[in-house]
Amino acid sequence: SISQQIVLNSEYINAGGAAGNITKIKWFINSFLLDSAEN
């Protein structure tokens, strides 16, 4: 699979971001079966 997602400049700035380096990105994992992640 593939996905693309647009984060608006206003969202990023209003959340406390600014011009400069982004060093990490995170997603919240709500659920999955433990043995399925290997797929």
PDB file of all heavy atoms in Angstrom:
ATOM      1  N   SER A   1       0.831  -1.203   0.000  1.00  0.00           N
ATOM      2  CA  SER A   1       0.000   0.000   0.000  1.00  0.00           C
ATOM      3  C   SER A   1       0.864   1.250   0.000  1.00  0.00           C
ATOM      4  O   SER A   1       2.066   1.212   0.294  1.00  0.00           O
ATOM      5  CB  SER A   1      -0.947   0.024   1.215  1.00  0.00           C
ATOM      6  OG  SER A   1      -0.217   0.136   2.424  1.00  0.00           O
ATOM      7  N   ILE A   2       0.210   2.348  -0.357  1.00  0.00           N
ATOM      8  CA  ILE A   2       0.841   3.665  -0.316  1.00  0.00           C
ATOM      9  C   ILE A   2      -0.197   4.676   0.133  1.00  0.00           C
ATOM     10  O   ILE A   2      -1.389   4.533  -0.158  1.00  0.00           O
ATOM     11  CB  ILE A   2       1.410   4.073  -1.698  1.00  0.00           C
ATOM     12  CG1 ILE A   2       2.099   5.451  -1.614  1.00  0.00           C
ATOM     13  CG2 ILE A   2       0.323   4.086  -2.774  1.00  0.00           C
ATOM     14  CD1 ILE A   2       2.829   5.853  -2.890  1.00  0.00           C
ATOM     15  N   SER A   3       0.239   5.690   0.857  1.00  0.00           N
ATOM     16  CA  SER A   3      -0.657   6.805   1.192  1.00  0.00           C
ATOM     17  C   SER A   3       0.119   8.108   1.118  1.00  0.00           C
ATOM     18  O   SER A   3       1.350   8.121   1.258  1.00  0.00           O
ATOM     19  CB  SER A   3      -1.249   6.648   2.596  1.00  0.00           C
ATOM     20  OG  SER A   3      -0.289   6.947   3.596  1.00  0.00           O
ATOM     21  N   GLN A   4      -0.622   9.173   0.845  1.00  0.00           N
ATOM     22  CA  GLN A   4      -0.068  10.520   0.927  1.00  0.00           C
ATOM     23  C   GLN A   4      -1.035  11.376   1.734  1.00  0.00           C
ATOM     24  O   GLN A   4      -2.254  11.231   1.614  1.00  0.00           O
ATOM     25  CB  GLN A   4       0.142  11.120  -0.469  1.00  0.00           C
ATOM     26  CG  GLN A   4       1.220  10.386  -1.253  1.00  0.00           C
ATOM     27  CD  GLN A   4       1.574  11.057  -2.568  1.00  0.00           C
ATOM     28  OE1 GLN A   4       0.731  11.642  -3.251  1.00  0.00           O
ATOM     29  NE2 GLN A   4       2.855  10.990  -2.939  1.00  0.00           N
ATOM     30  N   GLN A   5      -0.471  12.248   2.556  1.00  0.00           N
ATOM     31  CA  GLN A   5      -1.264  13.079   3.458  1.00  0.00           C
ATOM     32  C   GLN A   5      -0.688  14.487   3.455  1.00  0.00           C
ATOM     33  O   GLN A   5       0.532  14.666   3.561  1.00  0.00           O
ATOM     34  CB  GLN A   5      -1.205  12.485   4.866  1.00  0.00           C
ATOM     35  CG  GLN A   5      -1.801  13.352   5.962  1.00  0.00           C
ATOM     36  CD  GLN A   5      -1.778  12.649   7.315  1.00  0.00           C
ATOM     37  OE1 GLN A   5      -1.597  11.427   7.406  1.00  0.00           O
ATOM     38  NE2 GLN A   5      -1.975  13.410   8.387  1.00  0.00           N
ATOM     39  N   ILE A   6      -1.568  15.468   3.344  1.00  0.00           N
ATOM     40  CA  ILE A   6      -1.150  16.876   3.355  1.00  0.00           C
ATOM     41  C   ILE A   6      -1.367  17.461   4.740  1.00  0.00           C
ATOM     42  O   ILE A   6      -2.469  17.400   5.289  1.00  0.00           O
ATOM     43  CB  ILE A   6      -1.936  17.693   2.314  1.00  0.00           C
ATOM     44  CG1 ILE A   6      -1.648  17.185   0.896  1.00  0.00           C
ATOM     45  CG2 ILE A   6      -1.592  19.181   2.429  1.00  0.00           C
ATOM     46  CD1 ILE A   6      -2.579  17.764  -0.161  1.00  0.00           C
ATOM     47  N   VAL A   7      -0.307  18.013   5.307  1.00  0.00           N
ATOM     48  CA  VAL A   7      -0.385  18.776   6.558  1.00  0.00           C
ATOM     49  C   VAL A   7      -0.256  20.250   6.189  1.00  0.00           C
ATOM     50  O   VAL A   7       0.748  20.671   5.605  1.00  0.00           O
ATOM     51  CB  VAL A   7       0.733  18.382   7.539  1.00  0.00           C
ATOM     52  CG1 VAL A   7       0.687  19.243   8.795  1.00  0.00           C
ATOM     53  CG2 VAL A   7       0.627  16.903   7.898  1.00  0.00           C
ATOM     54  N   LEU A   8      -1.280  21.029   6.490  1.00  0.00           N
ATOM     55  CA  LEU A   8      -1.251  22.442   6.135  1.00  0.00           C
ATOM     56  C   LEU A   8      -0.203  23.191   6.951  1.00  0.00           C
ATOM     57  O   LEU A   8       0.049  22.883   8.113  1.00  0.00           O
ATOM     58  CB  LEU A   8      -2.625  23.074   6.366  1.00  0.00           C
ATOM     59  CG  LEU A   8      -3.781  22.517   5.545  1.00  0.00           C
ATOM     60  CD1 LEU A   8      -5.070  23.235   5.907  1.00  0.00           C
ATOM     61  CD2 LEU A   8      -3.505  22.624   4.043  1.00  0.00           C
ATOM     62  N   ASN A   9       0.381  24.197   6.310  1.00  0.00           N
ATOM     63  CA  ASN A   9       1.336  25.055   7.010  1.00  0.00           C
ATOM     64  C   ASN A   9       0.718  25.633   8.279  1.00  0.00           C
ATOM     65  O   ASN A   9       1.361  25.670   9.335  1.00  0.00           O
ATOM     66  CB  ASN A   9       1.775  26.185   6.073  1.00  0.00           C
ATOM     67  CG  ASN A   9       2.639  27.215   6.759  1.00  0.00           C
ATOM     68  OD1 ASN A   9       2.132  28.112   7.426  1.00  0.00           O
ATOM     69  ND2 ASN A   9       3.937  27.099   6.599  1.00  0.00           N
ATOM     70  N   SER A  10      -0.538  26.040   8.187  1.00  0.00           N
ATOM     71  CA  SER A  10      -1.205  26.643   9.347  1.00  0.00           C
ATOM     72  C   SER A  10      -1.354  25.645  10.488  1.00  0.00           C
ATOM     73  O   SER A  10      -1.227  26.010  11.669  1.00  0.00           O
ATOM     74  CB  SER A  10      -2.577  27.185   8.948  1.00  0.00           C
ATOM     75  OG  SER A  10      -3.382  26.153   8.380  1.00  0.00           O
ATOM     76  N   GLU A  11      -1.618  24.385  10.166  1.00  0.00           N
ATOM     77  CA  GLU A  11      -1.703  23.348  11.201  1.00  0.00           C
ATOM     78  C   GLU A  11      -0.376  23.218  11.931  1.00  0.00           C
ATOM     79  O   GLU A  11      -0.331  23.149  13.167  1.00  0.00           O
ATOM     80  CB  GLU A  11      -2.022  21.991  10.579  1.00  0.00           C
ATOM     81  CG  GLU A  11      -3.435  21.760  10.124  1.00  0.00           C
ATOM     82  CD  GLU A  11      -3.601  20.343   9.617  1.00  0.00           C
ATOM     83  OE1 GLU A  11      -3.038  20.005   8.563  1.00  0.00           O
ATOM     84  OE2 GLU A  11      -4.306  19.561  10.284  1.00  0.00           O
ATOM     85  N   TYR A  12       0.680  23.139  11.164  1.00  0.00           N
ATOM     86  CA  TYR A  12       2.009  22.929  11.739  1.00  0.00           C
ATOM     87  C   TYR A  12       2.439  24.123  12.590  1.00  0.00           C
ATOM     88  O   TYR A  12       2.918  23.959  13.717  1.00  0.00           O
ATOM     89  CB  TYR A  12       3.017  22.675  10.620  1.00  0.00           C
ATOM     90  CG  TYR A  12       4.359  22.205  11.106  1.00  0.00           C
ATOM     91  CD1 TYR A  12       4.576  20.866  11.411  1.00  0.00           C
ATOM     92  CD2 TYR A  12       5.414  23.091  11.276  1.00  0.00           C
ATOM     93  CE1 TYR A  12       5.813  20.422  11.864  1.00  0.00           C
ATOM     94  CE2 TYR A  12       6.652  22.667  11.727  1.00  0.00           C
ATOM     95  CZ  TYR A  12       6.842  21.336  12.029  1.00  0.00           C
ATOM     96  OH  TYR A  12       8.071  20.909  12.495  1.00  0.00           O
ATOM     97  N   ILE A  13       2.248  25.326  12.070  1.00  0.00           N
ATOM     98  CA  ILE A  13       2.652  26.531  12.800  1.00  0.00           C
ATOM     99  C   ILE A  13       1.800  26.717  14.051  1.00  0.00           C
ATOM    100  O   ILE A  13       2.315  27.018  15.135  1.00  0.00           O
ATOM    101  CB  ILE A  13       2.547  27.770  11.883  1.00  0.00           C
ATOM    102  CG1 ILE A  13       3.487  27.628  10.675  1.00  0.00           C
ATOM    103  CG2 ILE A  13       2.853  29.037  12.670  1.00  0.00           C
ATOM    104  CD1 ILE A  13       4.949  27.480  11.006  1.00  0.00           C
ATOM    105  N   ASN A  14       0.487  26.519  13.933  1.00  0.00           N
ATOM    106  CA  ASN A  14      -0.399  26.700  15.084  1.00  0.00           C
ATOM    107  C   ASN A  14      -0.162  25.663  16.175  1.00  0.00           C
ATOM    108  O   ASN A  14      -0.508  25.888  17.338  1.00  0.00           O
ATOM    109  CB  ASN A  14      -1.861  26.639  14.641  1.00  0.00           C
ATOM    110  CG  ASN A  14      -2.265  27.843  13.806  1.00  0.00           C
ATOM    111  OD1 ASN A  14      -1.610  28.884  13.849  1.00  0.00           O
ATOM    112  ND2 ASN A  14      -3.325  27.701  13.029  1.00  0.00           N
ATOM    113  N   ALA A  15       0.440  24.528  15.799  1.00  0.00           N
ATOM    114  CA  ALA A  15       0.752  23.494  16.785  1.00  0.00           C
ATOM    115  C   ALA A  15       2.103  23.734  17.459  1.00  0.00           C
ATOM    116  O   ALA A  15       2.537  22.920  18.279  1.00  0.00           O
ATOM    117  CB  ALA A  15       0.747  22.125  16.128  1.00  0.00           C
ATOM    118  N   GLY A  16       2.755  24.847  17.109  1.00  0.00           N
ATOM    119  CA  GLY A  16       4.020  25.206  17.755  1.00  0.00           C
ATOM    120  C   GLY A  16       5.250  24.972  16.907  1.00  0.00           C
ATOM    121  O   GLY A  16       6.370  25.137  17.395  1.00  0.00           O
ATOM    122  N   GLY A  17       5.065  24.616  15.638  1.00  0.00           N
ATOM    123  CA  GLY A  17       6.209  24.388  14.767  1.00  0.00           C
ATOM    124  C   GLY A  17       6.705  25.666  14.117  1.00  0.00           C
ATOM    125  O   GLY A  17       6.053  26.717  14.182  1.00  0.00           O
ATOM    126  N   ALA A  18       7.862  25.576  13.495  1.00  0.00           N
ATOM    127  CA  ALA A  18       8.462  26.723  12.824  1.00  0.00           C
ATOM    128  C   ALA A  18       9.385  26.212  11.731  1.00  0.00           C
ATOM    129  O   ALA A  18       9.645  25.008  11.621  1.00  0.00           O
ATOM    130  CB  ALA A  18       9.247  27.577  13.822  1.00  0.00           C
ATOM    131  N   ALA A  19       9.873  27.127  10.917  1.00  0.00           N
ATOM    132  CA  ALA A  19      10.862  26.755   9.909  1.00  0.00           C
ATOM    133  C   ALA A  19      12.073  26.144  10.594  1.00  0.00           C
ATOM    134  O   ALA A  19      12.495  26.594  11.662  1.00  0.00           O
ATOM    135  CB  ALA A  19      11.254  27.980   9.092  1.00  0.00           C
ATOM    136  N   GLY A  20      12.618  25.114   9.970  1.00  0.00           N
ATOM    137  CA  GLY A  20      13.786  24.434  10.538  1.00  0.00           C
ATOM    138  C   GLY A  20      13.646  22.936  10.409  1.00  0.00           C
ATOM    139  O   GLY A  20      12.708  22.423   9.788  1.00  0.00           O
ATOM    140  N   ASN A  21      14.567  22.229  10.991  1.00  0.00           N
ATOM    141  CA  ASN A  21      14.628  20.784  10.814  1.00  0.00           C
ATOM    142  C   ASN A  21      13.521  20.039  11.558  1.00  0.00           C
ATOM    143  O   ASN A  21      13.183  20.370  12.696  1.00  0.00           O
ATOM    144  CB  ASN A  21      15.974  20.241  11.299  1.00  0.00           C
ATOM    145  CG  ASN A  21      17.077  20.447  10.278  1.00  0.00           C
ATOM    146  OD1 ASN A  21      16.805  20.645   9.092  1.00  0.00           O
ATOM    147  ND2 ASN A  21      18.324  20.386  10.717  1.00  0.00           N
ATOM    148  N   ILE A  22      12.974  19.030  10.886  1.00  0.00           N
ATOM    149  CA  ILE A  22      12.125  18.016  11.508  1.00  0.00           C
ATOM    150  C   ILE A  22      12.985  16.754  11.602  1.00  0.00           C
ATOM    151  O   ILE A  22      13.553  16.300  10.603  1.00  0.00           O
ATOM    152  CB  ILE A  22      10.865  17.741  10.661  1.00  0.00           C
ATOM    153  CG1 ILE A  22       9.978  18.993  10.632  1.00  0.00           C
ATOM    154  CG2 ILE A  22      10.093  16.547  11.211  1.00  0.00           C
ATOM    155  CD1 ILE A  22       8.803  18.884   9.672  1.00  0.00           C
ATOM    156  N   THR A  23      13.095  16.190  12.796  1.00  0.00           N
ATOM    157  CA  THR A  23      14.015  15.071  13.013  1.00  0.00           C
ATOM    158  C   THR A  23      13.309  13.743  13.258  1.00  0.00           C
ATOM    159  O   THR A  23      13.918  12.684  13.117  1.00  0.00           O
ATOM    160  CB  THR A  23      14.935  15.352  14.205  1.00  0.00           C
ATOM    161  OG1 THR A  23      14.145  15.547  15.387  1.00  0.00           O
ATOM    162  CG2 THR A  23      15.783  16.602  13.949  1.00  0.00           C
ATOM    163  N   LYS A  24      12.021  13.788  13.634  1.00  0.00           N
ATOM    164  CA  LYS A  24      11.287  12.556  13.917  1.00  0.00           C
ATOM    165  C   LYS A  24       9.836  12.715  13.488  1.00  0.00           C
ATOM    166  O   LYS A  24       9.311  13.828  13.420  1.00  0.00           O
ATOM    167  CB  LYS A  24      11.329  12.207  15.411  1.00  0.00           C
ATOM    168  CG  LYS A  24      12.717  11.926  15.950  1.00  0.00           C
ATOM    169  CD  LYS A  24      12.685  11.594  17.443  1.00  0.00           C
ATOM    170  CE  LYS A  24      14.086  11.333  17.976  1.00  0.00           C
ATOM    171  NZ  LYS A  24      14.078  10.978  19.419  1.00  0.00           N
ATOM    172  N   ILE A  25       9.174  11.581  13.225  1.00  0.00           N
ATOM    173  CA  ILE A  25       7.751  11.562  12.935  1.00  0.00           C
ATOM    174  C   ILE A  25       7.144  10.364  13.667  1.00  0.00           C
ATOM    175  O   ILE A  25       7.806   9.330  13.831  1.00  0.00           O
ATOM    176  CB  ILE A  25       7.483  11.487  11.414  1.00  0.00           C
ATOM    177  CG1 ILE A  25       5.993  11.615  11.104  1.00  0.00           C
ATOM    178  CG2 ILE A  25       8.069  10.227  10.798  1.00  0.00           C
ATOM    179  CD1 ILE A  25       5.676  11.755   9.625  1.00  0.00           C
ATOM    180  N   LYS A  26       5.877  10.516  14.114  1.00  0.00           N
ATOM    181  CA  LYS A  26       5.232   9.463  14.899  1.00  0.00           C
ATOM    182  C   LYS A  26       3.790   9.271  14.447  1.00  0.00           C
ATOM    183  O   LYS A  26       3.122  10.223  14.039  1.00  0.00           O
ATOM    184  CB  LYS A  26       5.225   9.826  16.388  1.00  0.00           C
ATOM    185  CG  LYS A  26       6.565  10.207  16.969  1.00  0.00           C
ATOM    186  CD  LYS A  26       6.425  10.621  18.434  1.00  0.00           C
ATOM    187  CE  LYS A  26       7.695  11.212  18.982  1.00  0.00           C
ATOM    188  NZ  LYS A  26       7.560  11.605  20.411  1.00  0.00           N
ATOM    189  N   TRP A  27       3.320   8.025  14.550  1.00  0.00           N
ATOM    190  CA  TRP A  27       1.919   7.673  14.362  1.00  0.00           C
ATOM    191  C   TRP A  27       1.443   6.946  15.606  1.00  0.00           C
ATOM    192  O   TRP A  27       2.195   6.160  16.202  1.00  0.00           O
ATOM    193  CB  TRP A  27       1.737   6.749  13.163  1.00  0.00           C
ATOM    194  CG  TRP A  27       2.013   7.358  11.827  1.00  0.00           C
ATOM    195  CD1 TRP A  27       1.108   7.912  10.964  1.00  0.00           C
ATOM    196  CD2 TRP A  27       3.278   7.464  11.164  1.00  0.00           C
ATOM    197  NE1 TRP A  27       1.726   8.351   9.825  1.00  0.00           N
ATOM    198  CE2 TRP A  27       3.061   8.088   9.918  1.00  0.00           C
ATOM    199  CE3 TRP A  27       4.584   7.082  11.512  1.00  0.00           C
ATOM    200  CZ2 TRP A  27       4.097   8.348   9.023  1.00  0.00           C
ATOM    201  CZ3 TRP A  27       5.613   7.343  10.627  1.00  0.00           C
ATOM    202  CH2 TRP A  27       5.360   7.973   9.397  1.00  0.00           C
ATOM    203  N   PHE A  28       0.168   7.136  15.981  1.00  0.00           N
ATOM    204  CA  PHE A  28      -0.367   6.428  17.148  1.00  0.00           C
ATOM    205  C   PHE A  28      -1.000   5.123  16.693  1.00  0.00           C
ATOM    206  O   PHE A  28      -1.924   5.105  15.880  1.00  0.00           O
ATOM    207  CB  PHE A  28      -1.398   7.281  17.883  1.00  0.00           C
ATOM    208  CG  PHE A  28      -1.805   6.685  19.210  1.00  0.00           C
ATOM    209  CD1 PHE A  28      -1.100   6.997  20.364  1.00  0.00           C
ATOM    210  CD2 PHE A  28      -2.864   5.795  19.295  1.00  0.00           C
ATOM    211  CE1 PHE A  28      -1.449   6.440  21.593  1.00  0.00           C
ATOM    212  CE2 PHE A  28      -3.224   5.231  20.511  1.00  0.00           C
ATOM    213  CZ  PHE A  28      -2.516   5.558  21.670  1.00  0.00           C
ATOM    214  N   ILE A  29      -0.500   4.009  17.229  1.00  0.00           N
ATOM    215  CA  ILE A  29      -1.001   2.680  16.877  1.00  0.00           C
ATOM    216  C   ILE A  29      -2.153   2.337  17.813  1.00  0.00           C
ATOM    217  O   ILE A  29      -1.956   2.106  19.007  1.00  0.00           O
ATOM    218  CB  ILE A  29       0.100   1.612  17.018  1.00  0.00           C
ATOM    219  CG1 ILE A  29       1.395   2.056  16.311  1.00  0.00           C
ATOM    220  CG2 ILE A  29      -0.396   0.274  16.473  1.00  0.00           C
ATOM    221  CD1 ILE A  29       1.282   2.223  14.834  1.00  0.00           C
ATOM    222  N   ASN A  30      -3.365   2.317  17.267  1.00  0.00           N
ATOM    223  CA  ASN A  30      -4.525   2.059  18.113  1.00  0.00           C
ATOM    224  C   ASN A  30      -4.737   0.565  18.361  1.00  0.00           C
ATOM    225  O   ASN A  30      -5.029   0.153  19.486  1.00  0.00           O
ATOM    226  CB  ASN A  30      -5.781   2.652  17.478  1.00  0.00           C
ATOM    227  CG  ASN A  30      -6.906   2.815  18.471  1.00  0.00           C
ATOM    228  OD1 ASN A  30      -6.857   3.710  19.310  1.00  0.00           O
ATOM    229  ND2 ASN A  30      -7.913   1.957  18.411  1.00  0.00           N
ATOM    230  N   SER A  31      -4.571  -0.252  17.308  1.00  0.00           N
ATOM    231  CA  SER A  31      -4.780  -1.688  17.481  1.00  0.00           C
ATOM    232  C   SER A  31      -4.233  -2.467  16.302  1.00  0.00           C
ATOM    233  O   SER A  31      -4.123  -1.948  15.192  1.00  0.00           O
ATOM    234  CB  SER A  31      -6.275  -2.010  17.645  1.00  0.00           C
ATOM    235  OG  SER A  31      -6.988  -1.670  16.461  1.00  0.00           O
ATOM    236  N   PHE A  32      -3.860  -3.726  16.545  1.00  0.00           N
ATOM    237  CA  PHE A  32      -3.557  -4.723  15.531  1.00  0.00           C
ATOM    238  C   PHE A  32      -3.292  -6.034  16.259  1.00  0.00           C
ATOM    239  O   PHE A  32      -2.993  -6.040  17.462  1.00  0.00           O
ATOM    240  CB  PHE A  32      -2.350  -4.336  14.662  1.00  0.00           C
ATOM    241  CG  PHE A  32      -1.023  -4.332  15.382  1.00  0.00           C
ATOM    242  CD1 PHE A  32      -0.223  -5.466  15.417  1.00  0.00           C
ATOM    243  CD2 PHE A  32      -0.565  -3.185  16.017  1.00  0.00           C
ATOM    244  CE1 PHE A  32       1.002  -5.462  16.072  1.00  0.00           C
ATOM    245  CE2 PHE A  32       0.657  -3.170  16.674  1.00  0.00           C
ATOM    246  CZ  PHE A  32       1.443  -4.315  16.706  1.00  0.00           C
ATOM    247  N   LEU A  33      -3.428  -7.154  15.549  1.00  0.00           N
ATOM    248  CA  LEU A  33      -3.081  -8.435  16.143  1.00  0.00           C
ATOM    249  C   LEU A  33      -1.565  -8.568  16.190  1.00  0.00           C
ATOM    250  O   LEU A  33      -0.871  -8.249  15.218  1.00  0.00           O
ATOM    251  CB  LEU A  33      -3.675  -9.591  15.339  1.00  0.00           C
ATOM    252  CG  LEU A  33      -5.196  -9.792  15.454  1.00  0.00           C
ATOM    253  CD1 LEU A  33      -5.613 -11.026  14.666  1.00  0.00           C
ATOM    254  CD2 LEU A  33      -5.632  -9.925  16.904  1.00  0.00           C
ATOM    255  N   LEU A  34      -1.058  -9.033  17.327  1.00  0.00           N
ATOM    256  CA  LEU A  34       0.380  -9.014  17.586  1.00  0.00           C
ATOM    257  C   LEU A  34       1.189  -9.677  16.477  1.00  0.00           C
ATOM    258  O   LEU A  34       2.227  -9.177  16.068  1.00  0.00           O
ATOM    259  CB  LEU A  34       0.680  -9.696  18.928  1.00  0.00           C
ATOM    260  CG  LEU A  34       2.118  -9.567  19.447  1.00  0.00           C
ATOM    261  CD1 LEU A  34       2.486  -8.108  19.623  1.00  0.00           C
ATOM    262  CD2 LEU A  34       2.281 -10.323  20.762  1.00  0.00           C
ATOM    263  N   ASP A  35       0.711 -10.811  15.967  1.00  0.00           N
ATOM    264  CA  ASP A  35       1.500 -11.538  14.972  1.00  0.00           C
ATOM    265  C   ASP A  35       1.298 -11.034  13.554  1.00  0.00           C
ATOM    266  O   ASP A  35       1.856 -11.589  12.608  1.00  0.00           O
ATOM    267  CB  ASP A  35       1.212 -13.039  15.049  1.00  0.00           C
ATOM    268  CG  ASP A  35      -0.254 -13.358  14.772  1.00  0.00           C
ATOM    269  OD1 ASP A  35      -1.056 -12.406  14.678  1.00  0.00           O
ATOM    270  OD2 ASP A  35      -0.593 -14.545  14.657  1.00  0.00           O
ATOM    271  N   SER A  36       0.502  -9.984  13.380  1.00  0.00           N
ATOM    272  CA  SER A  36       0.233  -9.489  12.022  1.00  0.00           C
ATOM    273  C   SER A  36       1.250  -8.467  11.549  1.00  0.00           C
ATOM    274  O   SER A  36       1.402  -8.243  10.350  1.00  0.00           O
ATOM    275  CB  SER A  36      -1.165  -8.864  11.951  1.00  0.00           C
ATOM    276  OG  SER A  36      -1.199  -7.612  12.614  1.00  0.00           O
ATOM    277  N   ALA A  37       1.986  -7.829  12.461  1.00  0.00           N
ATOM    278  CA  ALA A  37       2.875  -6.729  12.087  1.00  0.00           C
ATOM    279  C   ALA A  37       3.975  -7.165  11.139  1.00  0.00           C
ATOM    280  O   ALA A  37       4.451  -6.368  10.324  1.00  0.00           O
ATOM    281  CB  ALA A  37       3.478  -6.099  13.337  1.00  0.00           C
ATOM    282  N   GLU A  38       4.387  -8.428  11.209  1.00  0.00           N
ATOM    283  CA  GLU A  38       5.443  -8.902  10.330  1.00  0.00           C
ATOM    284  C   GLU A  38       5.037  -8.844   8.866  1.00  0.00           C
ATOM    285  O   GLU A  38       5.879  -8.924   7.978  1.00  0.00           O
ATOM    286  CB  GLU A  38       5.827 -10.333  10.697  1.00  0.00           C
ATOM    287  CG  GLU A  38       4.723 -11.344  10.508  1.00  0.00           C
ATOM    288  CD  GLU A  38       5.098 -12.730  10.998  1.00  0.00           C
ATOM    289  OE1 GLU A  38       5.985 -12.824  11.856  1.00  0.00           O
ATOM    290  OE2 GLU A  38       4.489 -13.704  10.514  1.00  0.00           O
ATOM    291  N   ASN A  39       3.760  -8.652   8.603  1.00  0.00           N
ATOM    292  CA  ASN A  39       3.267  -8.565   7.232  1.00  0.00           C
ATOM    293  C   ASN A  39       3.282  -7.148   6.669  1.00  0.00           C
ATOM    294  O   ASN A  39       3.041  -6.966   5.465  1.00  0.00           O
ATOM    295  CB  ASN A  39       1.844  -9.121   7.146  1.00  0.00           C
ATOM    296  CG  ASN A  39       1.768 -10.596   7.469  1.00  0.00           C
ATOM    297  OD1 ASN A  39       2.544 -11.385   6.946  1.00  0.00           O
ATOM    298  ND2 ASN A  39       0.840 -10.971   8.339  1.00  0.00           N
TER     299      ASN A  39
END
